[in-house]
């Protein structure tokens, strides 16, 4: 079996770094109660509503997210933690990446609105904190980010040789 090439190693290193960040983001939410049970999540939603929410998201945040705040807070906490764990360990990378991409786009639309009269480029500038992660998740989902440094069963050389038409 060949060793991973430089690009594969670089993508795997980026995957693990993003995963480590999401483990940190999720860890304090999962193992503490401030975010999930003591209003931390609702605080952030209300802050988004005061300025930063794209107009089409405001009603969703007010009429759906806030009334179900505790349940959604737990989904966010465990979701971030699960995404981070999957990326660090290299398991279910595509699934975790699609979930991460969806989460980052949701965060972008909930919190990064620059205002109705902003110049076009300001939409990108206002969303950098979420857009960069979204692009990483897209690369992991579409690429082979799980090909190096992953905890998953590896096929034996004999099976690899047989499946590629060599050997027997």
N, C-alpha and C. Protein backbone atom coordinates (compact mmCIF):
# COMPACT_ATOMS: atom_id res chain seq x y z
N UNK A 1 0.85 -1.18 0.00
CA UNK A 1 0.00 0.00 0.00
C UNK A 1 0.89 1.23 0.00
N UNK A 2 0.60 2.15 -0.87
CA UNK A 2 1.41 3.36 -0.96
C UNK A 2 1.12 4.30 0.19
N UNK A 3 2.14 5.06 0.54
CA UNK A 3 1.91 6.06 1.58
C UNK A 3 1.13 7.22 0.95
N UNK A 4 0.37 7.93 1.77
CA UNK A 4 -0.42 9.04 1.24
C UNK A 4 0.47 10.12 0.63
N UNK A 5 0.02 10.72 -0.46
CA UNK A 5 0.80 11.78 -1.06
C UNK A 5 0.68 13.07 -0.25
N UNK A 6 1.42 14.05 -0.64
CA UNK A 6 1.48 15.32 0.11
C UNK A 6 0.13 16.00 0.22
N UNK A 7 -0.63 16.02 -0.84
CA UNK A 7 -1.96 16.66 -0.81
C UNK A 7 -2.90 15.91 0.12
N UNK A 8 -2.85 14.59 0.10
CA UNK A 8 -3.69 13.79 0.97
C UNK A 8 -3.35 14.05 2.43
N UNK A 9 -2.04 14.11 2.73
CA UNK A 9 -1.62 14.40 4.11
C UNK A 9 -2.05 15.80 4.52
N UNK A 10 -1.94 16.77 3.61
CA UNK A 10 -2.33 18.15 3.94
C UNK A 10 -3.83 18.24 4.20
N UNK A 11 -4.62 17.59 3.37
CA UNK A 11 -6.07 17.60 3.56
C UNK A 11 -6.45 16.89 4.86
N UNK A 12 -5.76 15.80 5.17
CA UNK A 12 -6.02 15.09 6.43
C UNK A 12 -5.63 15.95 7.63
N UNK A 13 -4.52 16.66 7.53
CA UNK A 13 -4.11 17.55 8.63
C UNK A 13 -5.13 18.67 8.83
N UNK A 14 -5.61 19.25 7.75
CA UNK A 14 -6.64 20.28 7.85
C UNK A 14 -7.92 19.70 8.44
N UNK A 15 -8.29 18.50 8.00
CA UNK A 15 -9.47 17.82 8.55
C UNK A 15 -9.34 17.64 10.05
N UNK A 16 -8.19 17.18 10.50
CA UNK A 16 -8.01 16.95 11.94
C UNK A 16 -7.96 18.27 12.72
N UNK A 17 -7.40 19.33 12.13
CA UNK A 17 -7.37 20.63 12.81
C UNK A 17 -8.77 21.20 12.96
N UNK A 18 -9.56 21.14 11.89
CA UNK A 18 -10.95 21.60 11.97
C UNK A 18 -11.71 20.74 12.96
N UNK A 19 -11.47 19.44 12.94
CA UNK A 19 -12.11 18.54 13.90
C UNK A 19 -11.75 18.89 15.33
N UNK A 20 -10.49 19.21 15.58
CA UNK A 20 -10.07 19.59 16.94
C UNK A 20 -10.78 20.87 17.39
N UNK A 21 -10.91 21.83 16.48
CA UNK A 21 -11.64 23.05 16.83
C UNK A 21 -13.09 22.74 17.18
N UNK A 22 -13.72 21.87 16.40
CA UNK A 22 -15.12 21.53 16.69
C UNK A 22 -15.25 20.70 17.97
N UNK A 23 -14.24 19.91 18.29
CA UNK A 23 -14.25 19.23 19.59
C UNK A 23 -14.22 20.26 20.72
N UNK A 24 -13.41 21.29 20.56
CA UNK A 24 -13.34 22.36 21.56
C UNK A 24 -14.68 23.10 21.63
N UNK A 25 -15.24 23.44 20.46
CA UNK A 25 -16.53 24.16 20.43
C UNK A 25 -17.62 23.34 21.11
N UNK A 26 -17.63 22.03 20.86
CA UNK A 26 -18.68 21.18 21.41
C UNK A 26 -18.43 20.74 22.84
N UNK A 27 -17.17 20.62 23.21
CA UNK A 27 -16.82 20.09 24.54
C UNK A 27 -17.43 20.90 25.67
N UNK A 28 -17.26 22.20 25.64
CA UNK A 28 -17.78 22.99 26.77
C UNK A 28 -19.31 23.00 26.78
N UNK A 29 -19.91 22.81 25.62
CA UNK A 29 -21.37 22.76 25.55
C UNK A 29 -21.92 21.42 26.04
N UNK A 30 -21.23 20.34 25.70
CA UNK A 30 -21.67 19.01 26.09
C UNK A 30 -21.41 18.75 27.57
N UNK A 31 -20.24 19.13 28.05
CA UNK A 31 -19.86 18.80 29.42
C UNK A 31 -20.18 19.91 30.43
N UNK A 32 -20.73 21.01 29.97
CA UNK A 32 -21.19 22.07 30.86
C UNK A 32 -22.68 22.27 30.66
N UNK A 33 -23.27 23.14 31.47
CA UNK A 33 -24.72 23.35 31.35
C UNK A 33 -25.08 24.78 30.94
N UNK A 34 -24.10 25.68 30.87
CA UNK A 34 -24.41 27.08 30.57
C UNK A 34 -25.07 27.23 29.20
N UNK A 35 -24.55 26.57 28.20
CA UNK A 35 -25.09 26.71 26.84
C UNK A 35 -26.42 26.00 26.68
N UNK A 36 -26.52 24.77 27.20
CA UNK A 36 -27.71 23.95 26.94
C UNK A 36 -28.86 24.20 27.91
N UNK A 37 -28.57 24.34 29.19
CA UNK A 37 -29.64 24.40 30.19
C UNK A 37 -29.80 25.76 30.87
N UNK A 38 -28.85 26.63 30.71
CA UNK A 38 -28.90 27.91 31.45
C UNK A 38 -29.01 29.13 30.55
N UNK A 39 -29.55 28.93 29.37
CA UNK A 39 -29.86 30.06 28.50
C UNK A 39 -28.77 30.56 27.59
N UNK A 40 -27.63 29.89 27.55
CA UNK A 40 -26.55 30.33 26.67
C UNK A 40 -26.95 30.32 25.20
N UNK A 41 -27.62 29.27 24.79
CA UNK A 41 -28.06 29.16 23.41
C UNK A 41 -29.05 30.28 23.07
N UNK A 42 -30.04 30.46 23.94
CA UNK A 42 -31.05 31.49 23.72
C UNK A 42 -30.43 32.89 23.71
N UNK A 43 -29.41 33.10 24.54
CA UNK A 43 -28.69 34.38 24.53
C UNK A 43 -28.15 34.68 23.14
N UNK A 44 -27.49 33.68 22.54
CA UNK A 44 -26.90 33.89 21.22
C UNK A 44 -27.97 34.10 20.15
N UNK A 45 -29.06 33.37 20.23
CA UNK A 45 -30.13 33.55 19.24
C UNK A 45 -30.70 34.96 19.35
N UNK A 46 -30.94 35.44 20.57
CA UNK A 46 -31.44 36.80 20.75
C UNK A 46 -30.43 37.83 20.28
N UNK A 47 -29.16 37.57 20.49
CA UNK A 47 -28.12 38.49 20.00
C UNK A 47 -28.11 38.52 18.47
N UNK A 48 -28.27 37.36 17.85
CA UNK A 48 -28.35 37.32 16.39
C UNK A 48 -29.54 38.14 15.90
N UNK A 49 -30.66 38.02 16.58
CA UNK A 49 -31.88 38.73 16.19
C UNK A 49 -31.74 40.25 16.33
N UNK A 50 -30.90 40.70 17.25
CA UNK A 50 -30.69 42.14 17.43
C UNK A 50 -29.90 42.75 16.28
N UNK A 51 -29.17 41.97 15.60
CA UNK A 51 -28.41 42.47 14.46
C UNK A 51 -27.51 41.39 13.93
N UNK A 52 -27.71 41.00 12.71
CA UNK A 52 -26.86 39.99 12.11
C UNK A 52 -27.61 38.86 11.43
N UNK A 53 -28.91 38.77 11.63
CA UNK A 53 -29.68 37.70 11.01
C UNK A 53 -30.18 38.13 9.63
N UNK A 54 -30.00 37.27 8.66
CA UNK A 54 -30.60 37.53 7.35
C UNK A 54 -32.11 37.60 7.54
N UNK A 55 -32.79 38.51 6.85
CA UNK A 55 -34.23 38.71 7.07
C UNK A 55 -35.06 37.44 6.97
N UNK A 56 -34.75 36.54 6.05
CA UNK A 56 -35.56 35.33 5.89
C UNK A 56 -35.39 34.36 7.07
N UNK A 57 -34.35 34.55 7.89
CA UNK A 57 -34.12 33.67 9.04
C UNK A 57 -34.76 34.19 10.32
N UNK A 58 -35.11 35.46 10.37
CA UNK A 58 -35.61 36.06 11.62
C UNK A 58 -36.86 35.35 12.14
N UNK A 59 -37.84 35.11 11.28
CA UNK A 59 -39.06 34.44 11.72
C UNK A 59 -38.79 33.01 12.18
N UNK A 60 -37.89 32.33 11.51
CA UNK A 60 -37.53 30.97 11.91
C UNK A 60 -36.92 30.98 13.30
N UNK A 61 -36.02 31.92 13.54
CA UNK A 61 -35.38 31.99 14.85
C UNK A 61 -36.39 32.35 15.95
N UNK A 62 -37.27 33.31 15.66
CA UNK A 62 -38.25 33.75 16.66
C UNK A 62 -39.33 32.70 16.92
N UNK A 63 -39.86 32.12 15.85
CA UNK A 63 -41.05 31.28 15.98
C UNK A 63 -40.79 29.78 16.07
N UNK A 64 -39.58 29.35 15.75
CA UNK A 64 -39.28 27.93 15.86
C UNK A 64 -38.11 27.66 16.79
N UNK A 65 -36.99 28.33 16.55
CA UNK A 65 -35.78 28.02 17.30
C UNK A 65 -35.91 28.41 18.77
N UNK A 66 -36.32 29.62 19.06
CA UNK A 66 -36.43 30.03 20.46
C UNK A 66 -37.45 29.21 21.26
N UNK A 67 -38.65 28.92 20.73
CA UNK A 67 -39.57 28.08 21.50
C UNK A 67 -39.05 26.67 21.78
N UNK A 68 -38.15 26.17 20.94
CA UNK A 68 -37.58 24.84 21.12
C UNK A 68 -36.10 24.94 21.48
N UNK A 69 -35.74 26.02 22.15
CA UNK A 69 -34.34 26.35 22.40
C UNK A 69 -33.52 25.29 23.11
N UNK A 70 -34.06 24.70 24.15
CA UNK A 70 -33.27 23.72 24.90
C UNK A 70 -32.97 22.49 24.06
N UNK A 71 -33.97 21.98 23.37
CA UNK A 71 -33.74 20.80 22.52
C UNK A 71 -32.74 21.11 21.41
N UNK A 72 -32.88 22.27 20.78
CA UNK A 72 -31.97 22.63 19.69
C UNK A 72 -30.57 22.89 20.24
N UNK A 73 -30.47 23.45 21.45
CA UNK A 73 -29.16 23.66 22.08
C UNK A 73 -28.43 22.34 22.26
N UNK A 74 -29.15 21.30 22.68
CA UNK A 74 -28.52 19.98 22.82
C UNK A 74 -28.11 19.43 21.45
N UNK A 75 -28.94 19.64 20.43
CA UNK A 75 -28.59 19.18 19.08
C UNK A 75 -27.32 19.88 18.59
N UNK A 76 -27.22 21.18 18.83
CA UNK A 76 -26.03 21.95 18.43
C UNK A 76 -24.80 21.43 19.19
N UNK A 77 -24.93 21.30 20.50
CA UNK A 77 -23.80 20.87 21.32
C UNK A 77 -23.28 19.49 20.89
N UNK A 78 -24.17 18.51 20.84
CA UNK A 78 -23.74 17.17 20.48
C UNK A 78 -23.38 17.07 19.00
N UNK A 79 -24.01 17.88 18.16
CA UNK A 79 -23.65 17.91 16.75
C UNK A 79 -22.24 18.41 16.53
N UNK A 80 -21.88 19.52 17.18
CA UNK A 80 -20.52 20.05 17.06
C UNK A 80 -19.51 19.03 17.56
N UNK A 81 -19.81 18.42 18.69
CA UNK A 81 -18.90 17.44 19.27
C UNK A 81 -18.75 16.23 18.35
N UNK A 82 -19.85 15.74 17.81
CA UNK A 82 -19.81 14.58 16.91
C UNK A 82 -19.06 14.89 15.62
N UNK A 83 -19.27 16.07 15.07
CA UNK A 83 -18.54 16.48 13.86
C UNK A 83 -17.05 16.49 14.16
N UNK A 84 -16.68 17.10 15.26
CA UNK A 84 -15.27 17.16 15.63
C UNK A 84 -14.66 15.79 15.83
N UNK A 85 -15.35 14.93 16.53
CA UNK A 85 -14.85 13.58 16.79
C UNK A 85 -14.68 12.80 15.49
N UNK A 86 -15.66 12.88 14.62
CA UNK A 86 -15.59 12.17 13.34
C UNK A 86 -14.41 12.66 12.50
N UNK A 87 -14.20 13.97 12.46
CA UNK A 87 -13.11 14.51 11.65
C UNK A 87 -11.75 14.16 12.23
N UNK A 88 -11.61 14.23 13.53
CA UNK A 88 -10.33 13.90 14.16
C UNK A 88 -10.00 12.42 13.96
N UNK A 89 -10.98 11.56 14.14
CA UNK A 89 -10.74 10.12 14.02
C UNK A 89 -10.77 9.62 12.58
N UNK A 90 -11.32 10.41 11.68
CA UNK A 90 -11.38 10.00 10.28
C UNK A 90 -12.46 8.98 9.99
N UNK A 91 -13.53 9.00 10.79
CA UNK A 91 -14.64 8.08 10.55
C UNK A 91 -15.88 8.87 10.14
N UNK A 92 -16.64 8.35 9.21
CA UNK A 92 -17.83 9.03 8.69
C UNK A 92 -17.53 10.47 8.29
N UNK A 93 -16.39 10.67 7.65
CA UNK A 93 -15.93 12.02 7.32
C UNK A 93 -16.89 12.72 6.37
N UNK A 94 -17.36 12.05 5.35
CA UNK A 94 -18.28 12.68 4.41
C UNK A 94 -19.57 13.10 5.11
N UNK A 95 -20.14 12.21 5.89
CA UNK A 95 -21.38 12.51 6.61
C UNK A 95 -21.17 13.69 7.55
N UNK A 96 -20.11 13.64 8.33
CA UNK A 96 -19.82 14.74 9.25
C UNK A 96 -19.58 16.04 8.50
N UNK A 97 -18.95 15.95 7.35
CA UNK A 97 -18.65 17.15 6.57
C UNK A 97 -19.91 17.78 5.98
N UNK A 98 -20.83 16.96 5.48
CA UNK A 98 -22.09 17.50 4.97
C UNK A 98 -22.88 18.15 6.11
N UNK A 99 -22.87 17.51 7.28
CA UNK A 99 -23.56 18.10 8.45
C UNK A 99 -22.88 19.40 8.86
N UNK A 100 -21.56 19.41 8.86
CA UNK A 100 -20.82 20.63 9.19
C UNK A 100 -21.08 21.75 8.20
N UNK A 101 -21.14 21.42 6.92
CA UNK A 101 -21.44 22.42 5.89
C UNK A 101 -22.83 23.01 6.11
N UNK A 102 -23.80 22.17 6.35
CA UNK A 102 -25.16 22.65 6.62
C UNK A 102 -25.19 23.53 7.87
N UNK A 103 -24.50 23.10 8.91
CA UNK A 103 -24.43 23.87 10.14
C UNK A 103 -23.78 25.24 9.91
N UNK A 104 -22.68 25.28 9.18
CA UNK A 104 -21.99 26.56 8.93
C UNK A 104 -22.84 27.50 8.08
N UNK A 105 -23.56 26.96 7.09
CA UNK A 105 -24.43 27.82 6.29
C UNK A 105 -25.58 28.35 7.15
N UNK A 106 -26.10 27.52 8.04
CA UNK A 106 -27.14 27.97 8.95
C UNK A 106 -26.61 29.08 9.85
N UNK A 107 -25.41 28.89 10.39
CA UNK A 107 -24.80 29.93 11.24
C UNK A 107 -24.56 31.21 10.45
N UNK A 108 -24.10 31.07 9.23
CA UNK A 108 -23.85 32.22 8.38
C UNK A 108 -25.13 33.04 8.19
N UNK A 109 -26.23 32.36 7.87
CA UNK A 109 -27.49 33.08 7.62
C UNK A 109 -28.13 33.59 8.91
N UNK A 110 -27.79 33.00 10.03
CA UNK A 110 -28.34 33.47 11.31
C UNK A 110 -27.57 34.64 11.90
N UNK A 111 -26.29 34.77 11.55
CA UNK A 111 -25.48 35.73 12.30
C UNK A 111 -24.59 36.65 11.49
N UNK A 112 -24.51 36.51 10.19
CA UNK A 112 -23.52 37.26 9.42
C UNK A 112 -24.10 38.24 8.41
N UNK A 113 -25.31 38.70 8.61
CA UNK A 113 -25.93 39.64 7.67
C UNK A 113 -25.31 41.03 7.85
N UNK A 114 -24.72 41.59 6.79
CA UNK A 114 -24.08 42.89 6.92
C UNK A 114 -25.04 44.08 6.81
N UNK A 115 -26.28 43.83 6.44
CA UNK A 115 -27.26 44.90 6.30
C UNK A 115 -27.73 45.04 4.86
N UNK A 116 -28.91 45.60 4.71
CA UNK A 116 -29.55 45.70 3.39
C UNK A 116 -28.78 46.58 2.43
N UNK A 117 -28.06 47.55 2.92
CA UNK A 117 -27.40 48.51 2.03
C UNK A 117 -25.90 48.26 1.92
N UNK A 118 -25.45 47.10 2.32
CA UNK A 118 -24.03 46.76 2.26
C UNK A 118 -23.61 46.49 0.82
N UNK A 119 -22.38 46.80 0.53
CA UNK A 119 -21.81 46.47 -0.78
C UNK A 119 -21.69 44.95 -0.90
N UNK A 120 -21.70 44.46 -2.13
CA UNK A 120 -21.66 43.02 -2.37
C UNK A 120 -20.51 42.34 -1.65
N UNK A 121 -19.33 42.91 -1.70
CA UNK A 121 -18.16 42.29 -1.08
C UNK A 121 -18.29 42.19 0.43
N UNK A 122 -19.09 43.05 1.04
CA UNK A 122 -19.24 43.03 2.49
C UNK A 122 -20.00 41.79 2.98
N UNK A 123 -20.81 41.20 2.11
CA UNK A 123 -21.49 39.96 2.48
C UNK A 123 -20.46 38.86 2.74
N UNK A 124 -19.40 38.84 1.95
CA UNK A 124 -18.35 37.85 2.14
C UNK A 124 -17.48 38.20 3.34
N UNK A 125 -17.17 39.47 3.49
CA UNK A 125 -16.37 39.90 4.63
C UNK A 125 -17.05 39.64 5.96
N UNK A 126 -18.37 39.85 6.00
CA UNK A 126 -19.12 39.64 7.24
C UNK A 126 -19.24 38.16 7.60
N UNK A 127 -19.07 37.29 6.62
CA UNK A 127 -19.31 35.87 6.86
C UNK A 127 -18.04 35.03 6.94
N UNK A 128 -16.89 35.66 7.00
CA UNK A 128 -15.64 34.89 6.95
C UNK A 128 -15.53 33.84 8.05
N UNK A 129 -15.98 34.14 9.25
CA UNK A 129 -15.81 33.18 10.34
C UNK A 129 -16.55 31.87 10.06
N UNK A 130 -17.65 31.93 9.36
CA UNK A 130 -18.40 30.72 9.04
C UNK A 130 -18.12 30.22 7.62
N UNK A 131 -17.82 31.12 6.72
CA UNK A 131 -17.58 30.75 5.33
C UNK A 131 -16.32 29.90 5.17
N UNK A 132 -15.27 30.24 5.90
CA UNK A 132 -14.03 29.46 5.79
C UNK A 132 -14.27 28.02 6.24
N UNK A 133 -14.97 27.84 7.36
CA UNK A 133 -15.30 26.48 7.81
C UNK A 133 -16.20 25.79 6.79
N UNK A 134 -17.17 26.50 6.23
CA UNK A 134 -18.06 25.91 5.23
C UNK A 134 -17.26 25.40 4.03
N UNK A 135 -16.29 26.18 3.58
CA UNK A 135 -15.46 25.75 2.45
C UNK A 135 -14.61 24.54 2.83
N UNK A 136 -14.10 24.50 4.05
CA UNK A 136 -13.35 23.31 4.50
C UNK A 136 -14.25 22.09 4.49
N UNK A 137 -15.45 22.21 5.03
CA UNK A 137 -16.37 21.08 5.06
C UNK A 137 -16.72 20.63 3.64
N UNK A 138 -16.90 21.58 2.72
CA UNK A 138 -17.19 21.21 1.34
C UNK A 138 -16.03 20.42 0.74
N UNK A 139 -14.81 20.87 1.01
CA UNK A 139 -13.63 20.15 0.50
C UNK A 139 -13.55 18.74 1.09
N UNK A 140 -13.84 18.61 2.39
CA UNK A 140 -13.80 17.29 3.02
C UNK A 140 -14.89 16.37 2.45
N UNK A 141 -16.07 16.93 2.20
CA UNK A 141 -17.19 16.14 1.70
C UNK A 141 -16.97 15.69 0.26
N UNK A 142 -16.38 16.55 -0.54
CA UNK A 142 -16.21 16.26 -1.96
C UNK A 142 -14.88 15.58 -2.28
N UNK A 143 -13.90 15.75 -1.40
CA UNK A 143 -12.58 15.18 -1.63
C UNK A 143 -12.41 13.85 -0.92
N UNK A 144 -11.18 13.45 -0.80
CA UNK A 144 -10.84 12.20 -0.12
C UNK A 144 -10.15 12.51 1.20
N UNK A 145 -10.82 13.27 2.04
CA UNK A 145 -10.23 13.72 3.30
C UNK A 145 -10.07 12.59 4.31
N UNK A 146 -10.65 11.45 4.05
CA UNK A 146 -10.54 10.33 4.99
C UNK A 146 -9.49 9.31 4.55
N UNK A 147 -8.67 9.66 3.59
CA UNK A 147 -7.71 8.69 3.05
C UNK A 147 -6.43 8.55 3.88
N UNK A 148 -6.14 9.49 4.74
CA UNK A 148 -4.93 9.40 5.56
C UNK A 148 -5.27 9.68 7.01
N UNK A 149 -4.56 9.03 7.88
CA UNK A 149 -4.69 9.26 9.32
C UNK A 149 -6.12 9.07 9.79
N UNK A 150 -6.71 7.95 9.43
CA UNK A 150 -8.09 7.68 9.79
C UNK A 150 -8.18 6.36 10.55
N UNK A 151 -9.04 6.33 11.54
CA UNK A 151 -9.31 5.10 12.28
C UNK A 151 -10.46 4.39 11.59
N UNK A 152 -10.14 3.52 10.69
CA UNK A 152 -11.15 2.73 10.02
C UNK A 152 -10.48 1.44 9.59
N UNK A 153 -11.26 0.41 9.39
CA UNK A 153 -10.65 -0.86 8.98
C UNK A 153 -9.94 -0.70 7.63
N UNK A 154 -8.74 -1.19 7.57
CA UNK A 154 -7.99 -1.13 6.32
C UNK A 154 -8.06 -2.50 5.65
N UNK A 155 -8.19 -2.46 4.35
CA UNK A 155 -8.21 -3.72 3.61
C UNK A 155 -6.78 -4.25 3.54
N UNK A 156 -6.66 -5.55 3.61
CA UNK A 156 -5.32 -6.15 3.58
C UNK A 156 -4.72 -5.96 2.19
N UNK A 157 -3.39 -6.09 2.12
CA UNK A 157 -2.71 -5.96 0.82
C UNK A 157 -3.20 -7.04 -0.15
N UNK A 158 -3.47 -8.19 0.39
CA UNK A 158 -3.93 -9.29 -0.47
C UNK A 158 -5.27 -8.92 -1.11
N UNK A 159 -6.19 -8.38 -0.32
CA UNK A 159 -7.48 -7.97 -0.87
C UNK A 159 -7.32 -6.81 -1.84
N UNK A 160 -6.41 -5.87 -1.51
CA UNK A 160 -6.17 -4.75 -2.41
C UNK A 160 -5.63 -5.24 -3.76
N UNK A 161 -4.67 -6.17 -3.72
CA UNK A 161 -4.09 -6.69 -4.94
C UNK A 161 -5.15 -7.43 -5.76
N UNK A 162 -5.99 -8.18 -5.08
CA UNK A 162 -7.02 -8.93 -5.76
C UNK A 162 -8.07 -8.02 -6.38
N UNK A 163 -8.49 -6.98 -5.65
CA UNK A 163 -9.52 -6.09 -6.16
C UNK A 163 -9.03 -5.17 -7.27
N UNK A 164 -7.71 -4.96 -7.34
CA UNK A 164 -7.20 -4.10 -8.41
C UNK A 164 -6.79 -4.90 -9.63
N UNK A 165 -7.02 -6.22 -9.61
CA UNK A 165 -6.71 -7.03 -10.78
C UNK A 165 -5.31 -7.62 -10.73
N UNK A 166 -4.53 -7.29 -9.72
CA UNK A 166 -3.18 -7.86 -9.59
C UNK A 166 -3.24 -9.04 -8.63
N UNK A 167 -2.34 -9.91 -8.77
CA UNK A 167 -2.24 -11.02 -7.83
C UNK A 167 -3.16 -12.17 -8.20
N UNK A 168 -3.16 -13.14 -7.42
CA UNK A 168 -3.92 -14.40 -7.49
C UNK A 168 -3.00 -15.51 -7.34
